[in-house]
N, C-alpha and C. Protein backbone atom coordinates (compact mmCIF):
# COMPACT_ATOMS: atom_id res chain seq x y z
N UNK A 1 10.25 219.98 -41.14
CA UNK A 1 9.60 220.03 -39.87
C UNK A 1 8.59 218.89 -39.72
N UNK A 2 7.79 218.65 -40.75
CA UNK A 2 6.80 217.56 -40.66
C UNK A 2 7.45 216.19 -40.68
N UNK A 3 8.54 216.07 -41.37
CA UNK A 3 9.20 214.79 -41.47
C UNK A 3 9.84 214.39 -40.13
N UNK A 4 10.42 215.29 -39.43
CA UNK A 4 11.05 214.96 -38.17
C UNK A 4 10.02 214.53 -37.12
N UNK A 5 8.82 215.13 -37.13
CA UNK A 5 7.80 214.70 -36.19
C UNK A 5 7.26 213.32 -36.55
N UNK A 6 7.25 212.97 -37.81
CA UNK A 6 6.80 211.65 -38.23
C UNK A 6 7.77 210.57 -37.75
N UNK A 7 9.07 210.86 -37.79
CA UNK A 7 10.05 209.91 -37.29
C UNK A 7 9.94 209.74 -35.78
N UNK A 8 9.54 210.75 -35.11
CA UNK A 8 9.42 210.69 -33.65
C UNK A 8 8.27 209.79 -33.23
N UNK A 9 7.28 209.59 -34.10
CA UNK A 9 6.11 208.79 -33.75
C UNK A 9 6.21 207.33 -34.18
N UNK A 10 7.30 206.92 -34.72
CA UNK A 10 7.44 205.52 -35.16
C UNK A 10 7.54 204.61 -33.95
N UNK A 11 7.15 203.36 -34.14
CA UNK A 11 7.17 202.37 -33.07
C UNK A 11 8.61 201.97 -32.76
N UNK A 12 8.91 201.57 -31.53
CA UNK A 12 10.26 201.14 -31.19
C UNK A 12 10.60 199.83 -31.91
N UNK A 13 11.85 199.56 -32.06
CA UNK A 13 12.30 198.35 -32.74
C UNK A 13 11.86 197.12 -31.95
N UNK A 14 11.57 196.02 -32.66
CA UNK A 14 11.08 194.79 -32.03
C UNK A 14 12.24 193.99 -31.48
N UNK A 15 13.03 194.56 -30.64
CA UNK A 15 14.20 193.88 -30.08
C UNK A 15 13.80 192.98 -28.93
N UNK A 16 13.88 193.46 -27.71
CA UNK A 16 13.63 192.65 -26.53
C UNK A 16 12.16 192.64 -26.14
N UNK A 17 11.42 193.68 -26.39
CA UNK A 17 10.03 193.75 -25.95
C UNK A 17 9.98 194.01 -24.45
N UNK A 18 8.81 194.29 -23.96
CA UNK A 18 8.64 194.57 -22.54
C UNK A 18 8.16 193.31 -21.84
N UNK A 19 8.96 192.76 -20.95
CA UNK A 19 8.65 191.51 -20.26
C UNK A 19 7.44 191.66 -19.34
N UNK A 20 7.33 192.78 -18.68
CA UNK A 20 6.23 193.00 -17.73
C UNK A 20 4.88 193.04 -18.44
N UNK A 21 4.83 193.58 -19.64
CA UNK A 21 3.54 193.65 -20.34
C UNK A 21 3.09 192.26 -20.79
N UNK A 22 4.05 191.37 -21.14
CA UNK A 22 3.66 190.02 -21.54
C UNK A 22 3.18 189.22 -20.33
N UNK A 23 3.79 189.43 -19.16
CA UNK A 23 3.34 188.76 -17.93
C UNK A 23 1.97 189.31 -17.53
N UNK A 24 1.80 190.61 -17.67
CA UNK A 24 0.52 191.23 -17.33
C UNK A 24 -0.62 190.74 -18.21
N UNK A 25 -0.33 190.44 -19.47
CA UNK A 25 -1.38 189.94 -20.35
C UNK A 25 -1.70 188.46 -20.06
N UNK A 26 -0.76 187.74 -19.47
CA UNK A 26 -0.99 186.34 -19.12
C UNK A 26 -1.65 186.18 -17.76
N UNK A 27 -1.62 187.20 -16.93
CA UNK A 27 -2.15 187.13 -15.57
C UNK A 27 -3.63 186.75 -15.52
N UNK A 28 -4.51 187.32 -16.34
CA UNK A 28 -5.92 186.89 -16.27
C UNK A 28 -6.10 185.41 -16.63
N UNK A 29 -5.33 184.91 -17.57
CA UNK A 29 -5.42 183.50 -17.95
C UNK A 29 -4.97 182.61 -16.80
N UNK A 30 -3.88 182.96 -16.15
CA UNK A 30 -3.40 182.18 -15.01
C UNK A 30 -4.38 182.23 -13.85
N UNK A 31 -4.94 183.40 -13.59
CA UNK A 31 -5.92 183.55 -12.52
C UNK A 31 -7.16 182.71 -12.81
N UNK A 32 -7.60 182.67 -14.06
CA UNK A 32 -8.75 181.87 -14.44
C UNK A 32 -8.48 180.38 -14.23
N UNK A 33 -7.28 179.92 -14.56
CA UNK A 33 -6.93 178.52 -14.35
C UNK A 33 -6.92 178.16 -12.87
N UNK A 34 -6.37 179.05 -12.04
CA UNK A 34 -6.33 178.79 -10.60
C UNK A 34 -7.75 178.69 -10.03
N UNK A 35 -8.62 179.59 -10.43
CA UNK A 35 -10.01 179.55 -9.97
C UNK A 35 -10.69 178.27 -10.45
N UNK A 36 -10.48 177.89 -11.71
CA UNK A 36 -11.06 176.67 -12.26
C UNK A 36 -10.58 175.44 -11.48
N UNK A 37 -9.30 175.42 -11.11
CA UNK A 37 -8.77 174.30 -10.35
C UNK A 37 -9.48 174.17 -9.00
N UNK A 38 -9.60 175.27 -8.27
CA UNK A 38 -10.18 175.20 -6.93
C UNK A 38 -11.69 175.05 -6.94
N UNK A 39 -12.36 175.46 -8.01
CA UNK A 39 -13.83 175.37 -8.06
C UNK A 39 -14.30 174.06 -8.67
N UNK A 40 -13.58 173.54 -9.66
CA UNK A 40 -14.07 172.35 -10.36
C UNK A 40 -13.18 171.12 -10.22
N UNK A 41 -11.92 171.24 -10.47
CA UNK A 41 -11.05 170.07 -10.56
C UNK A 41 -10.79 169.45 -9.19
N UNK A 42 -10.43 170.26 -8.21
CA UNK A 42 -10.11 169.73 -6.88
C UNK A 42 -11.29 169.05 -6.20
N UNK A 43 -12.50 169.65 -6.21
CA UNK A 43 -13.65 168.94 -5.60
C UNK A 43 -13.97 167.63 -6.31
N UNK A 44 -13.80 167.59 -7.64
CA UNK A 44 -14.07 166.36 -8.39
C UNK A 44 -13.09 165.26 -7.98
N UNK A 45 -11.82 165.61 -7.82
CA UNK A 45 -10.82 164.62 -7.41
C UNK A 45 -11.11 164.14 -5.99
N UNK A 46 -11.59 165.03 -5.14
CA UNK A 46 -11.92 164.65 -3.76
C UNK A 46 -13.10 163.67 -3.74
N UNK A 47 -14.13 163.93 -4.57
CA UNK A 47 -15.28 163.00 -4.65
C UNK A 47 -14.85 161.64 -5.18
N UNK A 48 -13.98 161.61 -6.18
CA UNK A 48 -13.50 160.34 -6.72
C UNK A 48 -12.75 159.55 -5.67
N UNK A 49 -11.94 160.22 -4.87
CA UNK A 49 -11.19 159.55 -3.81
C UNK A 49 -12.14 158.98 -2.76
N UNK A 50 -13.17 159.75 -2.37
CA UNK A 50 -14.15 159.26 -1.39
C UNK A 50 -14.90 158.05 -1.92
N UNK A 51 -15.29 158.08 -3.20
CA UNK A 51 -16.00 156.95 -3.81
C UNK A 51 -15.11 155.72 -3.85
N UNK A 52 -13.84 155.89 -4.22
CA UNK A 52 -12.90 154.77 -4.26
C UNK A 52 -12.72 154.16 -2.88
N UNK A 53 -12.62 155.00 -1.86
CA UNK A 53 -12.48 154.49 -0.48
C UNK A 53 -13.74 153.77 -0.03
N UNK A 54 -14.91 154.30 -0.39
CA UNK A 54 -16.18 153.67 -0.02
C UNK A 54 -16.31 152.30 -0.67
N UNK A 55 -15.96 152.19 -1.96
CA UNK A 55 -16.06 150.91 -2.66
C UNK A 55 -15.06 149.89 -2.12
N UNK A 56 -13.89 150.33 -1.73
CA UNK A 56 -12.91 149.38 -1.21
C UNK A 56 -13.25 148.93 0.21
N UNK A 57 -14.05 149.71 0.93
CA UNK A 57 -14.41 149.37 2.31
C UNK A 57 -15.70 148.54 2.41
N UNK A 58 -16.30 148.19 1.27
CA UNK A 58 -17.53 147.38 1.30
C UNK A 58 -17.23 146.02 1.91
N UNK A 59 -18.20 145.53 2.69
CA UNK A 59 -18.03 144.23 3.33
C UNK A 59 -19.34 143.45 3.25
N UNK A 60 -19.24 142.17 3.44
CA UNK A 60 -20.41 141.31 3.44
C UNK A 60 -21.34 141.74 4.58
N UNK A 61 -22.63 141.88 4.28
CA UNK A 61 -23.61 142.30 5.28
C UNK A 61 -23.94 143.79 5.22
N UNK A 62 -23.16 144.58 4.48
CA UNK A 62 -23.47 146.00 4.33
C UNK A 62 -24.73 146.17 3.49
N UNK A 63 -25.49 147.18 3.80
CA UNK A 63 -26.69 147.51 3.02
C UNK A 63 -26.34 148.70 2.14
N UNK A 64 -26.64 148.56 0.83
CA UNK A 64 -26.21 149.55 -0.15
C UNK A 64 -27.36 149.94 -1.07
N UNK A 65 -27.17 151.08 -1.74
CA UNK A 65 -28.05 151.53 -2.81
C UNK A 65 -27.22 151.61 -4.08
N UNK A 66 -27.78 151.14 -5.19
CA UNK A 66 -27.06 151.17 -6.46
C UNK A 66 -27.49 152.39 -7.27
N UNK A 67 -26.79 152.62 -8.37
CA UNK A 67 -27.09 153.74 -9.25
C UNK A 67 -28.48 153.59 -9.87
N UNK A 68 -28.96 152.37 -10.01
CA UNK A 68 -30.28 152.13 -10.57
C UNK A 68 -31.40 152.25 -9.55
N UNK A 69 -31.04 152.48 -8.29
CA UNK A 69 -32.06 152.64 -7.26
C UNK A 69 -32.41 151.36 -6.52
N UNK A 70 -31.65 150.31 -6.74
CA UNK A 70 -31.91 149.03 -6.08
C UNK A 70 -31.26 149.05 -4.70
N UNK A 71 -32.03 148.67 -3.68
CA UNK A 71 -31.51 148.57 -2.32
C UNK A 71 -31.33 147.10 -1.98
N UNK A 72 -30.24 146.78 -1.33
CA UNK A 72 -30.02 145.39 -0.95
C UNK A 72 -28.89 145.23 0.02
N UNK A 73 -28.78 143.98 0.51
CA UNK A 73 -27.72 143.62 1.45
C UNK A 73 -26.70 142.78 0.70
N UNK A 74 -25.43 143.05 0.91
CA UNK A 74 -24.36 142.33 0.23
C UNK A 74 -24.25 140.93 0.83
N UNK A 75 -24.37 139.90 -0.05
CA UNK A 75 -24.22 138.53 0.41
C UNK A 75 -22.90 137.92 -0.05
N UNK A 76 -22.42 138.31 -1.23
CA UNK A 76 -21.12 137.86 -1.73
C UNK A 76 -20.39 139.07 -2.28
N UNK A 77 -19.07 139.04 -2.16
CA UNK A 77 -18.27 140.17 -2.58
C UNK A 77 -17.04 139.69 -3.33
N UNK A 78 -16.88 140.19 -4.58
CA UNK A 78 -15.71 139.85 -5.38
C UNK A 78 -14.95 141.11 -5.73
N UNK A 79 -13.94 140.97 -6.59
CA UNK A 79 -13.15 142.14 -6.99
C UNK A 79 -13.95 143.09 -7.86
N UNK A 80 -14.69 142.54 -8.82
CA UNK A 80 -15.45 143.37 -9.76
C UNK A 80 -16.96 143.34 -9.49
N UNK A 81 -17.46 142.21 -9.05
CA UNK A 81 -18.91 142.02 -8.89
C UNK A 81 -19.26 141.66 -7.46
N UNK A 82 -20.52 141.84 -7.12
CA UNK A 82 -21.02 141.42 -5.82
C UNK A 82 -22.46 140.98 -5.99
N UNK A 83 -22.94 140.22 -5.02
CA UNK A 83 -24.31 139.74 -5.04
C UNK A 83 -25.09 140.46 -3.94
N UNK A 84 -26.23 141.01 -4.35
CA UNK A 84 -27.10 141.71 -3.41
C UNK A 84 -28.36 140.89 -3.19
N UNK A 85 -28.79 140.80 -1.95
CA UNK A 85 -30.08 140.19 -1.64
C UNK A 85 -31.08 141.34 -1.55
N UNK A 86 -31.97 141.44 -2.56
CA UNK A 86 -32.91 142.56 -2.60
C UNK A 86 -34.25 142.21 -1.95
N UNK A 87 -34.52 140.93 -1.83
CA UNK A 87 -35.70 140.44 -1.11
C UNK A 87 -35.32 139.07 -0.59
N UNK A 88 -36.14 138.51 0.26
CA UNK A 88 -35.81 137.22 0.82
C UNK A 88 -35.79 136.17 -0.27
N UNK A 89 -34.59 135.61 -0.49
CA UNK A 89 -34.40 134.58 -1.51
C UNK A 89 -34.16 135.13 -2.91
N UNK A 90 -34.14 136.45 -3.10
CA UNK A 90 -33.92 137.05 -4.43
C UNK A 90 -32.54 137.72 -4.41
N UNK A 91 -31.62 137.16 -5.19
CA UNK A 91 -30.26 137.70 -5.27
C UNK A 91 -30.01 138.27 -6.65
N UNK A 92 -29.30 139.37 -6.69
CA UNK A 92 -28.96 140.05 -7.94
C UNK A 92 -27.46 140.29 -7.94
N UNK A 93 -26.82 140.01 -9.08
CA UNK A 93 -25.38 140.23 -9.20
C UNK A 93 -25.16 141.59 -9.88
N UNK A 94 -24.40 142.46 -9.25
CA UNK A 94 -24.15 143.81 -9.78
C UNK A 94 -22.65 144.11 -9.72
N UNK A 95 -22.24 145.11 -10.49
CA UNK A 95 -20.86 145.56 -10.42
C UNK A 95 -20.65 146.39 -9.16
N UNK A 96 -19.45 146.33 -8.64
CA UNK A 96 -19.11 147.13 -7.45
C UNK A 96 -19.27 148.61 -7.73
N UNK A 97 -18.91 149.03 -8.93
CA UNK A 97 -18.96 150.45 -9.27
C UNK A 97 -20.39 150.99 -9.35
N UNK A 98 -21.39 150.11 -9.34
CA UNK A 98 -22.78 150.55 -9.38
C UNK A 98 -23.25 151.06 -8.02
N UNK A 99 -22.51 150.76 -6.96
CA UNK A 99 -22.91 151.20 -5.62
C UNK A 99 -22.63 152.70 -5.48
N UNK A 100 -23.66 153.44 -5.07
CA UNK A 100 -23.50 154.88 -4.88
C UNK A 100 -23.57 155.29 -3.42
N UNK A 101 -24.10 154.41 -2.56
CA UNK A 101 -24.25 154.80 -1.17
C UNK A 101 -24.32 153.56 -0.28
N UNK A 102 -23.65 153.65 0.86
CA UNK A 102 -23.78 152.62 1.89
C UNK A 102 -24.81 153.13 2.88
N UNK A 103 -25.84 152.32 3.09
CA UNK A 103 -26.96 152.71 3.96
C UNK A 103 -26.71 152.28 5.40
N UNK A 104 -27.36 152.96 6.35
CA UNK A 104 -27.25 152.53 7.75
C UNK A 104 -27.87 151.15 7.94
N UNK A 105 -27.33 150.39 8.90
CA UNK A 105 -27.85 149.04 9.16
C UNK A 105 -29.33 149.12 9.54
N UNK A 106 -30.12 148.17 9.02
CA UNK A 106 -31.54 148.10 9.32
C UNK A 106 -32.41 148.88 8.35
N UNK A 107 -31.82 149.52 7.35
CA UNK A 107 -32.61 150.28 6.37
C UNK A 107 -33.38 149.35 5.45
N UNK A 108 -32.71 148.28 5.00
CA UNK A 108 -33.34 147.31 4.10
C UNK A 108 -33.97 146.23 4.96
N UNK A 109 -35.24 146.01 4.78
CA UNK A 109 -35.97 145.00 5.56
C UNK A 109 -36.04 143.70 4.81
């Protein structure tokens, strides 16, 4: 009598397994990835695209602010570098990627 009840409580054979339980255990991981994509990855890619468009649209005469806090007017523009006039007669050569913001005209005196 005791032996037959012990056989009844054994685990099922490891044949096919239950497909729904494996998908159910993966669901929180997939949901976490989807949330991570929409909260962190997608906004970061959007900011990078906006920055790339801003840097490619720079033109001579634009007033910009650099990452170091220098304000100036673009006097020369190259592929990698540009020259900023930060004061009358004072020119500084900086990388294009250092520009963080294009300022409205008339901001730099």
